[in-house]
Amino acid sequence: MNNVKRYSGILWMITGPAVFILLLLAAINNIDANGTKDINKPIPWIIIISIFTPIAVGLVIFGYYALKGEYDHLPEDSTEVE
Protein backbone atom coordinates (compact mmCIF):
# COMPACT_ATOMS: atom_id res chain seq x y z
CA MET A 1 0.00 0.00 0.00
CA ASN A 2 2.89 2.34 0.71
CA ASN A 3 4.18 1.89 -2.84
CA VAL A 4 0.76 2.85 -4.17
CA LYS A 5 0.90 6.03 -2.08
CA ARG A 6 4.35 6.86 -3.43
CA TYR A 7 3.41 6.22 -7.05
CA SER A 8 0.27 8.28 -6.64
CA GLY A 9 2.56 11.07 -5.43
CA ILE A 10 4.12 11.13 -8.87
CA LEU A 11 0.64 11.27 -10.35
CA TRP A 12 -0.29 14.27 -8.16
CA MET A 13 2.94 16.06 -9.03
CA ILE A 14 2.18 15.69 -12.73
CA THR A 15 -1.55 16.44 -12.45
CA GLY A 16 -1.18 19.87 -10.81
CA PRO A 17 0.93 21.55 -13.51
CA ALA A 18 -0.80 19.65 -16.33
CA VAL A 19 -4.25 20.88 -15.37
CA PHE A 20 -2.89 24.39 -14.80
CA ILE A 21 -1.35 24.42 -18.29
CA LEU A 22 -4.57 23.12 -19.83
CA LEU A 23 -6.48 25.85 -18.02
CA LEU A 24 -4.13 28.52 -19.38
CA LEU A 25 -4.43 27.12 -22.91
CA ALA A 26 -8.23 27.14 -22.63
CA ALA A 27 -8.12 30.76 -21.48
CA ILE A 28 -5.86 31.74 -24.37
CA ASN A 29 -8.15 30.02 -26.87
CA ASN A 30 -11.41 31.37 -25.47
CA ILE A 31 -10.58 35.00 -24.73
CA ASP A 32 -11.77 37.02 -27.69
CA ALA A 33 -12.34 40.77 -27.96
CA ASN A 34 -15.23 40.24 -30.39
CA GLY A 35 -16.92 37.53 -28.30
CA THR A 36 -20.26 38.23 -26.67
CA LYS A 37 -20.44 35.39 -24.14
CA ASP A 38 -18.93 35.42 -20.65
CA ILE A 39 -16.37 32.77 -21.61
CA ASN A 40 -14.85 35.23 -24.10
CA LYS A 41 -14.09 37.86 -21.45
CA PRO A 42 -10.78 37.85 -19.57
CA ILE A 43 -12.13 38.65 -16.08
CA PRO A 44 -13.75 35.23 -15.42
CA TRP A 45 -10.58 33.52 -16.62
CA ILE A 46 -8.43 35.64 -14.31
CA ILE A 47 -10.67 34.69 -11.39
CA ILE A 48 -10.64 30.99 -12.27
CA ILE A 49 -6.86 30.91 -12.76
CA SER A 50 -6.20 32.83 -9.54
CA ILE A 51 -8.39 30.40 -7.58
CA PHE A 52 -6.89 27.28 -9.15
CA THR A 53 -3.22 28.33 -8.82
CA PRO A 54 -2.93 27.54 -5.07
CA ILE A 55 -4.81 24.29 -5.66
CA ALA A 56 -2.27 23.23 -8.30
CA VAL A 57 0.63 24.18 -6.02
CA GLY A 58 -0.99 22.20 -3.20
CA LEU A 59 -1.27 19.15 -5.44
CA VAL A 60 2.45 19.35 -6.21
CA ILE A 61 3.34 19.71 -2.52
CA PHE A 62 1.03 16.84 -1.58
CA GLY A 63 2.57 14.68 -4.29
CA TYR A 64 6.09 15.55 -3.13
CA TYR A 65 5.35 14.48 0.43
CA ALA A 66 3.65 11.31 -0.79
CA LEU A 67 6.68 10.50 -2.93
CA LYS A 68 9.04 11.08 0.00
CA GLY A 69 7.04 8.62 2.15
CA GLU A 70 5.58 11.06 4.67
CA TYR A 71 2.24 9.25 4.54
CA ASP A 72 3.58 5.74 5.05
CA HIS A 73 2.44 5.62 8.68
CA LEU A 74 -0.71 7.55 9.47
CA PRO A 75 -1.78 7.95 13.13
CA GLU A 76 -4.74 5.87 14.20
CA ASP A 77 -5.61 8.01 17.23
CA SER A 78 -4.59 11.33 18.79
CA THR A 79 -1.94 9.81 21.06
CA GLU A 80 0.21 8.98 18.03
CA VAL A 81 0.28 12.54 16.73
CA GLU A 82 3.68 14.13 17.25
PDB file of N, CA and C in Angstrom:
ATOM      1  N   MET A   1       0.821  -1.191   0.000  1.00  0.00           N
ATOM      2  CA  MET A   1       0.000   0.000   0.000  1.00  0.00           C
ATOM      3  C   MET A   1       0.869   1.261   0.000  1.00  0.00           C
ATOM      4  N   ASN A   2       2.021   1.169   0.682  1.00  0.00           N
ATOM      5  CA  ASN A   2       2.894   2.335   0.714  1.00  0.00           C
ATOM      6  C   ASN A   2       3.455   2.659  -0.663  1.00  0.00           C
ATOM      7  N   ASN A   3       3.698   1.630  -1.475  1.00  0.00           N
ATOM      8  CA  ASN A   3       4.179   1.886  -2.838  1.00  0.00           C
ATOM      9  C   ASN A   3       3.107   2.570  -3.681  1.00  0.00           C
ATOM     10  N   VAL A   4       1.855   2.202  -3.443  1.00  0.00           N
ATOM     11  CA  VAL A   4       0.758   2.848  -4.166  1.00  0.00           C
ATOM     12  C   VAL A   4       0.699   4.331  -3.796  1.00  0.00           C
ATOM     13  N   LYS A   5       0.897   4.639  -2.514  1.00  0.00           N
ATOM     14  CA  LYS A   5       0.898   6.035  -2.083  1.00  0.00           C
ATOM     15  C   LYS A   5       2.042   6.800  -2.742  1.00  0.00           C
ATOM     16  N   ARG A   6       3.198   6.171  -2.832  1.00  0.00           N
ATOM     17  CA  ARG A   6       4.347   6.858  -3.428  1.00  0.00           C
ATOM     18  C   ARG A   6       4.159   7.061  -4.928  1.00  0.00           C
ATOM     19  N   TYR A   7       3.645   6.056  -5.616  1.00  0.00           N
ATOM     20  CA  TYR A   7       3.410   6.216  -7.055  1.00  0.00           C
ATOM     21  C   TYR A   7       2.296   7.223  -7.331  1.00  0.00           C
ATOM     22  N   SER A   8       1.312   7.273  -6.447  1.00  0.00           N
ATOM     23  CA  SER A   8       0.268   8.281  -6.636  1.00  0.00           C
ATOM     24  C   SER A   8       0.822   9.678  -6.394  1.00  0.00           C
ATOM     25  N   GLY A   9       1.898   9.780  -5.602  1.00  0.00           N
ATOM     26  CA  GLY A   9       2.561  11.069  -5.426  1.00  0.00           C
ATOM     27  C   GLY A   9       3.095  11.605  -6.743  1.00  0.00           C
ATOM     28  N   ILE A  10       3.653  10.716  -7.542  1.00  0.00           N
ATOM     29  CA  ILE A  10       4.125  11.129  -8.870  1.00  0.00           C
ATOM     30  C   ILE A  10       2.946  11.605  -9.710  1.00  0.00           C
ATOM     31  N   LEU A  11       1.839  10.890  -9.607  1.00  0.00           N
ATOM     32  CA  LEU A  11       0.636  11.275 -10.352  1.00  0.00           C
ATOM     33  C   LEU A  11       0.159  12.664  -9.942  1.00  0.00           C
ATOM     34  N   TRP A  12       0.144  12.958  -8.629  1.00  0.00           N
ATOM     35  CA  TRP A  12      -0.295  14.274  -8.163  1.00  0.00           C
ATOM     36  C   TRP A  12       0.659  15.362  -8.615  1.00  0.00           C
ATOM     37  N   MET A  13       1.954  15.056  -8.618  1.00  0.00           N
ATOM     38  CA  MET A  13       2.942  16.060  -9.029  1.00  0.00           C
ATOM     39  C   MET A  13       2.836  16.379 -10.517  1.00  0.00           C
ATOM     40  N   ILE A  14       2.370  15.450 -11.292  1.00  0.00           N
ATOM     41  CA  ILE A  14       2.177  15.685 -12.729  1.00  0.00           C
ATOM     42  C   ILE A  14       0.819  16.340 -12.993  1.00  0.00           C
ATOM     43  N   THR A  15      -0.191  15.956 -12.229  1.00  0.00           N
ATOM     44  CA  THR A  15      -1.555  16.441 -12.452  1.00  0.00           C
ATOM     45  C   THR A  15      -1.683  17.940 -12.201  1.00  0.00           C
ATOM     46  N   GLY A  16      -1.065  18.446 -11.135  1.00  0.00           N
ATOM     47  CA  GLY A  16      -1.182  19.873 -10.808  1.00  0.00           C
ATOM     48  C   GLY A  16      -0.744  20.775 -11.945  1.00  0.00           C
ATOM     49  N   PRO A  17       0.505  20.680 -12.401  1.00  0.00           N
ATOM     50  CA  PRO A  17       0.934  21.551 -13.508  1.00  0.00           C
ATOM     51  C   PRO A  17       0.213  21.263 -14.822  1.00  0.00           C
ATOM     52  N   ALA A  18      -0.130  19.994 -15.072  1.00  0.00           N
ATOM     53  CA  ALA A  18      -0.796  19.654 -16.334  1.00  0.00           C
ATOM     54  C   ALA A  18      -2.166  20.324 -16.425  1.00  0.00           C
ATOM     55  N   VAL A  19      -2.929  20.257 -15.349  1.00  0.00           N
ATOM     56  CA  VAL A  19      -4.252  20.878 -15.366  1.00  0.00           C
ATOM     57  C   VAL A  19      -4.119  22.399 -15.427  1.00  0.00           C
ATOM     58  N   PHE A  20      -3.120  22.949 -14.751  1.00  0.00           N
ATOM     59  CA  PHE A  20      -2.890  24.391 -14.805  1.00  0.00           C
ATOM     60  C   PHE A  20      -2.545  24.843 -16.226  1.00  0.00           C
ATOM     61  N   ILE A  21      -1.706  24.084 -16.912  1.00  0.00           N
ATOM     62  CA  ILE A  21      -1.346  24.418 -18.291  1.00  0.00           C
ATOM     63  C   ILE A  21      -2.553  24.299 -19.209  1.00  0.00           C
ATOM     64  N   LEU A  22      -3.348  23.258 -19.021  1.00  0.00           N
ATOM     65  CA  LEU A  22      -4.568  23.117 -19.828  1.00  0.00           C
ATOM     66  C   LEU A  22      -5.537  24.269 -19.581  1.00  0.00           C
ATOM     67  N   LEU A  23      -5.615  24.716 -18.342  1.00  0.00           N
ATOM     68  CA  LEU A  23      -6.481  25.848 -18.016  1.00  0.00           C
ATOM     69  C   LEU A  23      -5.988  27.123 -18.693  1.00  0.00           C
ATOM     70  N   LEU A  24      -4.677  27.345 -18.695  1.00  0.00           N
ATOM     71  CA  LEU A  24      -4.129  28.519 -19.384  1.00  0.00           C
ATOM     72  C   LEU A  24      -4.362  28.445 -20.891  1.00  0.00           C
ATOM     73  N   LEU A  25      -4.190  27.274 -21.469  1.00  0.00           N
ATOM     74  CA  LEU A  25      -4.434  27.117 -22.906  1.00  0.00           C
ATOM     75  C   LEU A  25      -5.903  27.366 -23.252  1.00  0.00           C
ATOM     76  N   ALA A  26      -6.807  26.897 -22.396  1.00  0.00           N
ATOM     77  CA  ALA A  26      -8.232  27.143 -22.631  1.00  0.00           C
ATOM     78  C   ALA A  26      -8.540  28.632 -22.536  1.00  0.00           C
ATOM     79  N   ALA A  27      -7.903  29.317 -21.592  1.00  0.00           N
ATOM     80  CA  ALA A  27      -8.119  30.764 -21.477  1.00  0.00           C
ATOM     81  C   ALA A  27      -7.603  31.486 -22.707  1.00  0.00           C
ATOM     82  N   ILE A  28      -6.424  31.095 -23.182  1.00  0.00           N
ATOM     83  CA  ILE A  28      -5.864  31.743 -24.371  1.00  0.00           C
ATOM     84  C   ILE A  28      -6.757  31.520 -25.591  1.00  0.00           C
ATOM     85  N   ASN A  29      -7.294  30.326 -25.717  1.00  0.00           N
ATOM     86  CA  ASN A  29      -8.150  30.016 -26.874  1.00  0.00           C
ATOM     87  C   ASN A  29      -9.520  30.679 -26.795  1.00  0.00           C
ATOM     88  N   ASN A  30     -10.039  30.875 -25.586  1.00  0.00           N
ATOM     89  CA  ASN A  30     -11.414  31.369 -25.467  1.00  0.00           C
ATOM     90  C   ASN A  30     -11.531  32.871 -25.317  1.00  0.00           C
ATOM     91  N   ILE A  31     -10.484  33.550 -24.874  1.00  0.00           N
ATOM     92  CA  ILE A  31     -10.576  35.003 -24.727  1.00  0.00           C
ATOM     93  C   ILE A  31     -10.565  35.634 -26.117  1.00  0.00           C
ATOM     94  N   ASP A  32     -11.613  36.406 -26.380  1.00  0.00           N
ATOM     95  CA  ASP A  32     -11.772  37.023 -27.689  1.00  0.00           C
ATOM     96  C   ASP A  32     -12.406  38.391 -27.495  1.00  0.00           C
ATOM     97  N   ALA A  33     -11.813  39.406 -28.096  1.00  0.00           N
ATOM     98  CA  ALA A  33     -12.335  40.772 -27.960  1.00  0.00           C
ATOM     99  C   ALA A  33     -13.700  40.925 -28.630  1.00  0.00           C
ATOM    100  N   ASN A  34     -13.958  40.140 -29.669  1.00  0.00           N
ATOM    101  CA  ASN A  34     -15.229  40.240 -30.389  1.00  0.00           C
ATOM    102  C   ASN A  34     -16.295  39.305 -29.844  1.00  0.00           C
ATOM    103  N   GLY A  35     -15.965  38.484 -28.854  1.00  0.00           N
ATOM    104  CA  GLY A  35     -16.921  37.530 -28.303  1.00  0.00           C
ATOM    105  C   GLY A  35     -17.975  38.218 -27.460  1.00  0.00           C
ATOM    106  N   THR A  36     -19.168  37.638 -27.432  1.00  0.00           N
ATOM    107  CA  THR A  36     -20.264  38.228 -26.673  1.00  0.00           C
ATOM    108  C   THR A  36     -20.618  37.425 -25.428  1.00  0.00           C
ATOM    109  N   LYS A  37     -20.105  36.215 -25.301  1.00  0.00           N
ATOM    110  CA  LYS A  37     -20.435  35.388 -24.142  1.00  0.00           C
ATOM    111  C   LYS A  37     -19.441  35.647 -23.016  1.00  0.00           C
ATOM    112  N   ASP A  38     -19.802  35.211 -21.803  1.00  0.00           N
ATOM    113  CA  ASP A  38     -18.931  35.415 -20.647  1.00  0.00           C
ATOM    114  C   ASP A  38     -17.609  34.672 -20.779  1.00  0.00           C
ATOM    115  N   ILE A  39     -17.599  33.553 -21.480  1.00  0.00           N
ATOM    116  CA  ILE A  39     -16.370  32.775 -21.612  1.00  0.00           C
ATOM    117  C   ILE A  39     -15.337  33.503 -22.467  1.00  0.00           C
ATOM    118  N   ASN A  40     -15.769  34.480 -23.244  1.00  0.00           N
ATOM    119  CA  ASN A  40     -14.854  35.233 -24.103  1.00  0.00           C
ATOM    120  C   ASN A  40     -14.230  36.439 -23.408  1.00  0.00           C
ATOM    121  N   LYS A  41     -14.617  36.714 -22.182  1.00  0.00           N
ATOM    122  CA  LYS A  41     -14.090  37.861 -21.447  1.00  0.00           C
ATOM    123  C   LYS A  41     -12.936  37.422 -20.547  1.00  0.00           C
ATOM    124  N   PRO A  42     -11.950  38.268 -20.348  1.00  0.00           N
ATOM    125  CA  PRO A  42     -10.779  37.851 -19.565  1.00  0.00           C
ATOM    126  C   PRO A  42     -11.007  37.810 -18.050  1.00  0.00           C
ATOM    127  N   ILE A  43     -11.941  38.584 -17.527  1.00  0.00           N
ATOM    128  CA  ILE A  43     -12.126  38.651 -16.076  1.00  0.00           C
ATOM    129  C   ILE A  43     -12.506  37.297 -15.467  1.00  0.00           C
ATOM    130  N   PRO A  44     -13.475  36.547 -16.008  1.00  0.00           N
ATOM    131  CA  PRO A  44     -13.752  35.230 -15.417  1.00  0.00           C
ATOM    132  C   PRO A  44     -12.543  34.296 -15.466  1.00  0.00           C
ATOM    133  N   TRP A  45     -11.768  34.379 -16.523  1.00  0.00           N
ATOM    134  CA  TRP A  45     -10.585  33.518 -16.622  1.00  0.00           C
ATOM    135  C   TRP A  45      -9.539  33.907 -15.584  1.00  0.00           C
ATOM    136  N   ILE A  46      -9.371  35.198 -15.335  1.00  0.00           N
ATOM    137  CA  ILE A  46      -8.427  35.639 -14.305  1.00  0.00           C
ATOM    138  C   ILE A  46      -8.859  35.122 -12.938  1.00  0.00           C
ATOM    139  N   ILE A  47     -10.147  35.173 -12.666  1.00  0.00           N
ATOM    140  CA  ILE A  47     -10.666  34.690 -11.389  1.00  0.00           C
ATOM    141  C   ILE A  47     -10.454  33.183 -11.262  1.00  0.00           C
ATOM    142  N   ILE A  48     -10.785  32.439 -12.309  1.00  0.00           N
ATOM    143  CA  ILE A  48     -10.638  30.986 -12.274  1.00  0.00           C
ATOM    144  C   ILE A  48      -9.180  30.590 -12.109  1.00  0.00           C
ATOM    145  N   ILE A  49      -8.292  31.244 -12.839  1.00  0.00           N
ATOM    146  CA  ILE A  49      -6.864  30.910 -12.759  1.00  0.00           C
ATOM    147  C   ILE A  49      -6.297  31.284 -11.394  1.00  0.00           C
ATOM    148  N   SER A  50      -6.718  32.433 -10.846  1.00  0.00           N
ATOM    149  CA  SER A  50      -6.200  32.830  -9.535  1.00  0.00           C
ATOM    150  C   SER A  50      -6.705  31.915  -8.425  1.00  0.00           C
ATOM    151  N   ILE A  51      -7.880  31.339  -8.573  1.00  0.00           N
ATOM    152  CA  ILE A  51      -8.387  30.398  -7.579  1.00  0.00           C
ATOM    153  C   ILE A  51      -7.701  29.041  -7.725  1.00  0.00           C
ATOM    154  N   PHE A  52      -7.442  28.617  -8.945  1.00  0.00           N
ATOM    155  CA  PHE A  52      -6.885  27.283  -9.145  1.00  0.00           C
ATOM    156  C   PHE A  52      -5.375  27.217  -8.922  1.00  0.00           C
ATOM    157  N   THR A  53      -4.671  28.346  -8.992  1.00  0.00           N
ATOM    158  CA  THR A  53      -3.217  28.331  -8.824  1.00  0.00           C
ATOM    159  C   THR A  53      -2.785  27.749  -7.479  1.00  0.00           C
ATOM    160  N   PRO A  54      -3.341  28.179  -6.333  1.00  0.00           N
ATOM    161  CA  PRO A  54      -2.931  27.545  -5.072  1.00  0.00           C
ATOM    162  C   PRO A  54      -3.330  26.070  -4.982  1.00  0.00           C
ATOM    163  N   ILE A  55      -4.402  25.695  -5.650  1.00  0.00           N
ATOM    164  CA  ILE A  55      -4.811  24.288  -5.655  1.00  0.00           C
ATOM    165  C   ILE A  55      -3.773  23.456  -6.395  1.00  0.00           C
ATOM    166  N   ALA A  56      -3.295  23.949  -7.528  1.00  0.00           N
ATOM    167  CA  ALA A  56      -2.270  23.231  -8.296  1.00  0.00           C
ATOM    168  C   ALA A  56      -0.968  23.138  -7.519  1.00  0.00           C
ATOM    169  N   VAL A  57      -0.585  24.211  -6.836  1.00  0.00           N
ATOM    170  CA  VAL A  57       0.625  24.184  -6.021  1.00  0.00           C
ATOM    171  C   VAL A  57       0.462  23.188  -4.874  1.00  0.00           C
ATOM    172  N   GLY A  58      -0.717  23.158  -4.271  1.00  0.00           N
ATOM    173  CA  GLY A  58      -0.990  22.202  -3.198  1.00  0.00           C
ATOM    174  C   GLY A  58      -0.916  20.761  -3.674  1.00  0.00           C
ATOM    175  N   LEU A  59      -1.378  20.500  -4.884  1.00  0.00           N
ATOM    176  CA  LEU A  59      -1.270  19.153  -5.438  1.00  0.00           C
ATOM    177  C   LEU A  59       0.186  18.732  -5.600  1.00  0.00           C
ATOM    178  N   VAL A  60       1.022  19.653  -6.046  1.00  0.00           N
ATOM    179  CA  VAL A  60       2.446  19.346  -6.215  1.00  0.00           C
ATOM    180  C   VAL A  60       3.094  19.088  -4.859  1.00  0.00           C
ATOM    181  N   ILE A  61       2.778  19.907  -3.861  1.00  0.00           N
ATOM    182  CA  ILE A  61       3.342  19.714  -2.525  1.00  0.00           C
ATOM    183  C   ILE A  61       2.865  18.394  -1.931  1.00  0.00           C
ATOM    184  N   PHE A  62       1.578  18.097  -2.071  1.00  0.00           N
ATOM    185  CA  PHE A  62       1.033  16.838  -1.576  1.00  0.00           C
ATOM    186  C   PHE A  62       1.710  15.653  -2.259  1.00  0.00           C
ATOM    187  N   GLY A  63       1.905  15.749  -3.558  1.00  0.00           N
ATOM    188  CA  GLY A  63       2.575  14.678  -4.290  1.00  0.00           C
ATOM    189  C   GLY A  63       4.020  14.509  -3.870  1.00  0.00           C
ATOM    190  N   TYR A  64       4.703  15.619  -3.576  1.00  0.00           N
ATOM    191  CA  TYR A  64       6.092  15.554  -3.132  1.00  0.00           C
ATOM    192  C   TYR A  64       6.195  14.812  -1.802  1.00  0.00           C
ATOM    193  N   TYR A  65       5.314  15.157  -0.865  1.00  0.00           N
ATOM    194  CA  TYR A  65       5.351  14.482   0.431  1.00  0.00           C
ATOM    195  C   TYR A  65       4.951  13.017   0.310  1.00  0.00           C
ATOM    196  N   ALA A  66       4.025  12.715  -0.573  1.00  0.00           N
ATOM    197  CA  ALA A  66       3.652  11.313  -0.787  1.00  0.00           C
ATOM    198  C   ALA A  66       4.815  10.541  -1.392  1.00  0.00           C
ATOM    199  N   LEU A  67       5.532  11.145  -2.307  1.00  0.00           N
ATOM    200  CA  LEU A  67       6.682  10.497  -2.932  1.00  0.00           C
ATOM    201  C   LEU A  67       7.808  10.278  -1.933  1.00  0.00           C
ATOM    202  N   LYS A  68       7.988  11.199  -1.013  1.00  0.00           N
ATOM    203  CA  LYS A  68       9.040  11.078  -0.001  1.00  0.00           C
ATOM    204  C   LYS A  68       8.685  10.083   1.098  1.00  0.00           C
ATOM    205  N   GLY A  69       7.440   9.625   1.164  1.00  0.00           N
ATOM    206  CA  GLY A  69       7.045   8.619   2.148  1.00  0.00           C
ATOM    207  C   GLY A  69       6.525   9.191   3.450  1.00  0.00           C
ATOM    208  N   GLU A  70       6.096  10.440   3.451  1.00  0.00           N
ATOM    209  CA  GLU A  70       5.583  11.065   4.669  1.00  0.00           C
ATOM    210  C   GLU A  70       4.248  10.468   5.114  1.00  0.00           C
ATOM    211  N   TYR A  71       3.550   9.818   4.210  1.00  0.00           N
ATOM    212  CA  TYR A  71       2.238   9.255   4.536  1.00  0.00           C
ATOM    213  C   TYR A  71       2.281   7.744   4.697  1.00  0.00           C
ATOM    214  N   ASP A  72       3.474   7.187   4.891  1.00  0.00           N
ATOM    215  CA  ASP A  72       3.582   5.737   5.051  1.00  0.00           C
ATOM    216  C   ASP A  72       2.912   5.261   6.339  1.00  0.00           C
ATOM    217  N   HIS A  73       3.089   5.988   7.414  1.00  0.00           N
ATOM    218  CA  HIS A  73       2.437   5.620   8.679  1.00  0.00           C
ATOM    219  C   HIS A  73       1.542   6.773   9.099  1.00  0.00           C
ATOM    220  N   LEU A  74       0.258   6.546   9.043  1.00  0.00           N
ATOM    221  CA  LEU A  74      -0.708   7.547   9.468  1.00  0.00           C
ATOM    222  C   LEU A  74      -1.179   7.207  10.876  1.00  0.00           C
ATOM    223  N   PRO A  75      -1.342   8.224  11.760  1.00  0.00           N
ATOM    224  CA  PRO A  75      -1.775   7.947  13.129  1.00  0.00           C
ATOM    225  C   PRO A  75      -3.200   7.407  13.155  1.00  0.00           C
ATOM    226  N   GLU A  76      -3.404   6.461  14.071  1.00  0.00           N
ATOM    227  CA  GLU A  76      -4.736   5.875  14.205  1.00  0.00           C
ATOM    228  C   GLU A  76      -5.557   6.558  15.293  1.00  0.00           C
ATOM    229  N   ASP A  77      -4.902   7.217  16.235  1.00  0.00           N
ATOM    230  CA  ASP A  77      -5.611   8.007  17.225  1.00  0.00           C
ATOM    231  C   ASP A  77      -4.752   9.206  17.625  1.00  0.00           C
ATOM    232  N   SER A  78      -5.265  10.070  18.491  1.00  0.00           N
ATOM    233  CA  SER A  78      -4.595  11.325  18.789  1.00  0.00           C
ATOM    234  C   SER A  78      -3.337  11.149  19.625  1.00  0.00           C
ATOM    235  N   THR A  79      -3.151  10.016  20.260  1.00  0.00           N
ATOM    236  CA  THR A  79      -1.941   9.810  21.061  1.00  0.00           C
ATOM    237  C   THR A  79      -0.712   9.583  20.188  1.00  0.00           C
ATOM    238  N   GLU A  80      -0.901   9.207  18.931  1.00  0.00           N
ATOM    239  CA  GLU A  80       0.213   8.981  18.031  1.00  0.00           C
ATOM    240  C   GLU A  80       0.664  10.231  17.281  1.00  0.00           C
ATOM    241  N   VAL A  81      -0.065  11.316  17.428  1.00  0.00           N
ATOM    242  CA  VAL A  81       0.281  12.544  16.734  1.00  0.00           C
ATOM    243  C   VAL A  81       1.474  13.179  17.433  1.00  0.00           C
ATOM    244  N   GLU A  82       2.481  13.536  16.661  1.00  0.00           N
ATOM    245  CA  GLU A  82       3.683  14.133  17.252  1.00  0.00           C
ATOM    246  C   GLU A  82       3.582  15.627  17.310  1.00  0.00           C
TER     247      GLU A  82
END
